[in-house]
Amino acid sequence: MTFDRNSGLVIVWVNMVQSGAYTRDQVPKMFNLQEVVGEVLDEQAADAA
């Protein structure tokens, strides 16, 4: 199984990290979840800058 940026679990984790409920390091190392969440967060940070 692989996740992409539109996967529900990715969206949930991105929101939880952005809200401060969890840190990036707390995203589970499940399949490619941590990588995709990191990519989305990096992209959003670049867009905000």
N, C-alpha and C. Protein backbone atom coordinates (compact mmCIF):
# COMPACT_ATOMS: atom_id res chain seq x y z
N MET A 1 0.85 -1.18 0.00
CA MET A 1 0.00 0.00 0.00
C MET A 1 0.89 1.24 0.00
N THR A 2 0.50 2.20 -0.76
CA THR A 2 1.21 3.49 -0.76
C THR A 2 0.20 4.62 -0.64
N PHE A 3 0.65 5.67 -0.04
CA PHE A 3 -0.19 6.85 0.14
C PHE A 3 0.22 7.93 -0.85
N ASP A 4 -0.74 8.78 -1.19
CA ASP A 4 -0.43 9.97 -1.98
C ASP A 4 -1.00 11.18 -1.24
N ARG A 5 -0.76 12.35 -1.78
CA ARG A 5 -1.16 13.57 -1.08
C ARG A 5 -2.67 13.69 -0.88
N ASN A 6 -3.46 12.93 -1.63
CA ASN A 6 -4.92 12.99 -1.51
C ASN A 6 -5.48 11.92 -0.60
N SER A 7 -4.64 11.07 -0.05
CA SER A 7 -5.10 10.02 0.85
C SER A 7 -5.63 10.64 2.14
N GLY A 8 -6.70 10.09 2.63
CA GLY A 8 -7.33 10.62 3.84
C GLY A 8 -6.40 10.66 5.03
N LEU A 9 -5.60 9.61 5.20
CA LEU A 9 -4.69 9.55 6.34
C LEU A 9 -3.60 10.61 6.23
N VAL A 10 -3.15 10.89 5.04
CA VAL A 10 -2.15 11.94 4.83
C VAL A 10 -2.75 13.29 5.22
N ILE A 11 -3.95 13.55 4.77
CA ILE A 11 -4.61 14.83 5.08
C ILE A 11 -4.79 14.99 6.58
N VAL A 12 -5.19 13.92 7.26
CA VAL A 12 -5.38 13.97 8.71
C VAL A 12 -4.07 14.29 9.42
N TRP A 13 -3.00 13.58 9.04
CA TRP A 13 -1.70 13.81 9.68
C TRP A 13 -1.15 15.19 9.38
N VAL A 14 -1.31 15.67 8.17
CA VAL A 14 -0.86 17.03 7.85
C VAL A 14 -1.58 18.03 8.75
N ASN A 15 -2.87 17.89 8.90
CA ASN A 15 -3.63 18.80 9.75
C ASN A 15 -3.20 18.71 11.22
N MET A 16 -2.93 17.50 11.70
CA MET A 16 -2.52 17.34 13.11
C MET A 16 -1.14 17.94 13.36
N VAL A 17 -0.23 17.82 12.40
CA VAL A 17 1.10 18.42 12.55
C VAL A 17 0.99 19.94 12.48
N GLN A 18 0.20 20.44 11.54
CA GLN A 18 0.03 21.89 11.40
C GLN A 18 -0.61 22.51 12.64
N SER A 19 -1.52 21.78 13.28
CA SER A 19 -2.19 22.31 14.46
C SER A 19 -1.32 22.24 15.71
N GLY A 20 -0.22 21.49 15.62
CA GLY A 20 0.68 21.37 16.77
C GLY A 20 0.36 20.20 17.68
N ALA A 21 -0.64 19.41 17.32
CA ALA A 21 -1.00 18.26 18.15
C ALA A 21 0.10 17.20 18.14
N TYR A 22 0.80 17.09 17.01
CA TYR A 22 1.90 16.14 16.85
C TYR A 22 3.04 16.84 16.13
N THR A 23 4.23 16.26 16.28
CA THR A 23 5.37 16.77 15.53
C THR A 23 5.56 15.90 14.29
N ARG A 24 6.38 16.39 13.40
CA ARG A 24 6.68 15.64 12.18
C ARG A 24 7.29 14.27 12.49
N ASP A 25 8.09 14.23 13.54
CA ASP A 25 8.75 12.97 13.91
C ASP A 25 7.77 11.95 14.47
N GLN A 26 6.60 12.39 14.88
CA GLN A 26 5.60 11.48 15.44
C GLN A 26 4.70 10.84 14.39
N VAL A 27 4.83 11.25 13.15
CA VAL A 27 4.06 10.62 12.07
C VAL A 27 4.54 9.18 11.96
N PRO A 28 3.64 8.21 11.96
CA PRO A 28 4.06 6.80 11.92
C PRO A 28 4.86 6.46 10.66
N LYS A 29 5.82 5.59 10.84
CA LYS A 29 6.63 5.09 9.72
C LYS A 29 5.89 3.91 9.09
N MET A 30 4.73 4.20 8.55
CA MET A 30 3.87 3.18 7.96
C MET A 30 3.86 3.36 6.45
N PHE A 31 4.37 2.35 5.74
CA PHE A 31 4.52 2.45 4.29
C PHE A 31 5.24 3.75 3.96
N ASN A 32 4.70 4.60 3.12
CA ASN A 32 5.36 5.86 2.76
C ASN A 32 4.66 7.08 3.39
N LEU A 33 3.89 6.86 4.45
CA LEU A 33 3.10 7.93 5.07
C LEU A 33 3.97 9.09 5.53
N GLN A 34 5.05 8.79 6.25
CA GLN A 34 5.90 9.84 6.78
C GLN A 34 6.52 10.68 5.65
N GLU A 35 6.92 10.04 4.59
CA GLU A 35 7.51 10.76 3.45
C GLU A 35 6.51 11.70 2.80
N VAL A 36 5.30 11.20 2.55
CA VAL A 36 4.30 12.01 1.86
C VAL A 36 3.84 13.17 2.74
N VAL A 37 3.64 12.92 4.02
CA VAL A 37 3.25 14.01 4.93
C VAL A 37 4.35 15.07 4.94
N GLY A 38 5.60 14.66 4.99
CA GLY A 38 6.71 15.60 4.97
C GLY A 38 6.74 16.41 3.69
N GLU A 39 6.49 15.77 2.56
CA GLU A 39 6.47 16.48 1.28
C GLU A 39 5.37 17.53 1.25
N VAL A 40 4.19 17.16 1.72
CA VAL A 40 3.06 18.10 1.72
C VAL A 40 3.37 19.29 2.64
N LEU A 41 3.92 19.01 3.82
CA LEU A 41 4.25 20.08 4.75
C LEU A 41 5.32 21.00 4.17
N ASP A 42 6.34 20.42 3.55
CA ASP A 42 7.40 21.22 2.92
C ASP A 42 6.85 22.10 1.80
N GLU A 43 5.96 21.53 1.00
CA GLU A 43 5.38 22.26 -0.11
C GLU A 43 4.52 23.42 0.41
N GLN A 44 3.74 23.16 1.44
CA GLN A 44 2.90 24.22 2.00
C GLN A 44 3.74 25.32 2.64
N ALA A 45 4.85 24.95 3.26
CA ALA A 45 5.73 25.95 3.86
C ALA A 45 6.38 26.81 2.78
N ALA A 46 6.76 26.19 1.67
CA ALA A 46 7.36 26.93 0.57
C ALA A 46 6.35 27.89 -0.07
N ASP A 47 5.11 27.45 -0.18
CA ASP A 47 4.06 28.30 -0.75
C ASP A 47 3.75 29.49 0.16
N ALA A 48 3.87 29.29 1.46
CA ALA A 48 3.57 30.35 2.43
C ALA A 48 4.70 31.39 2.50
N ALA A 49 5.87 31.00 2.08
CA ALA A 49 7.03 31.92 2.18
C ALA A 49 7.06 32.94 1.08
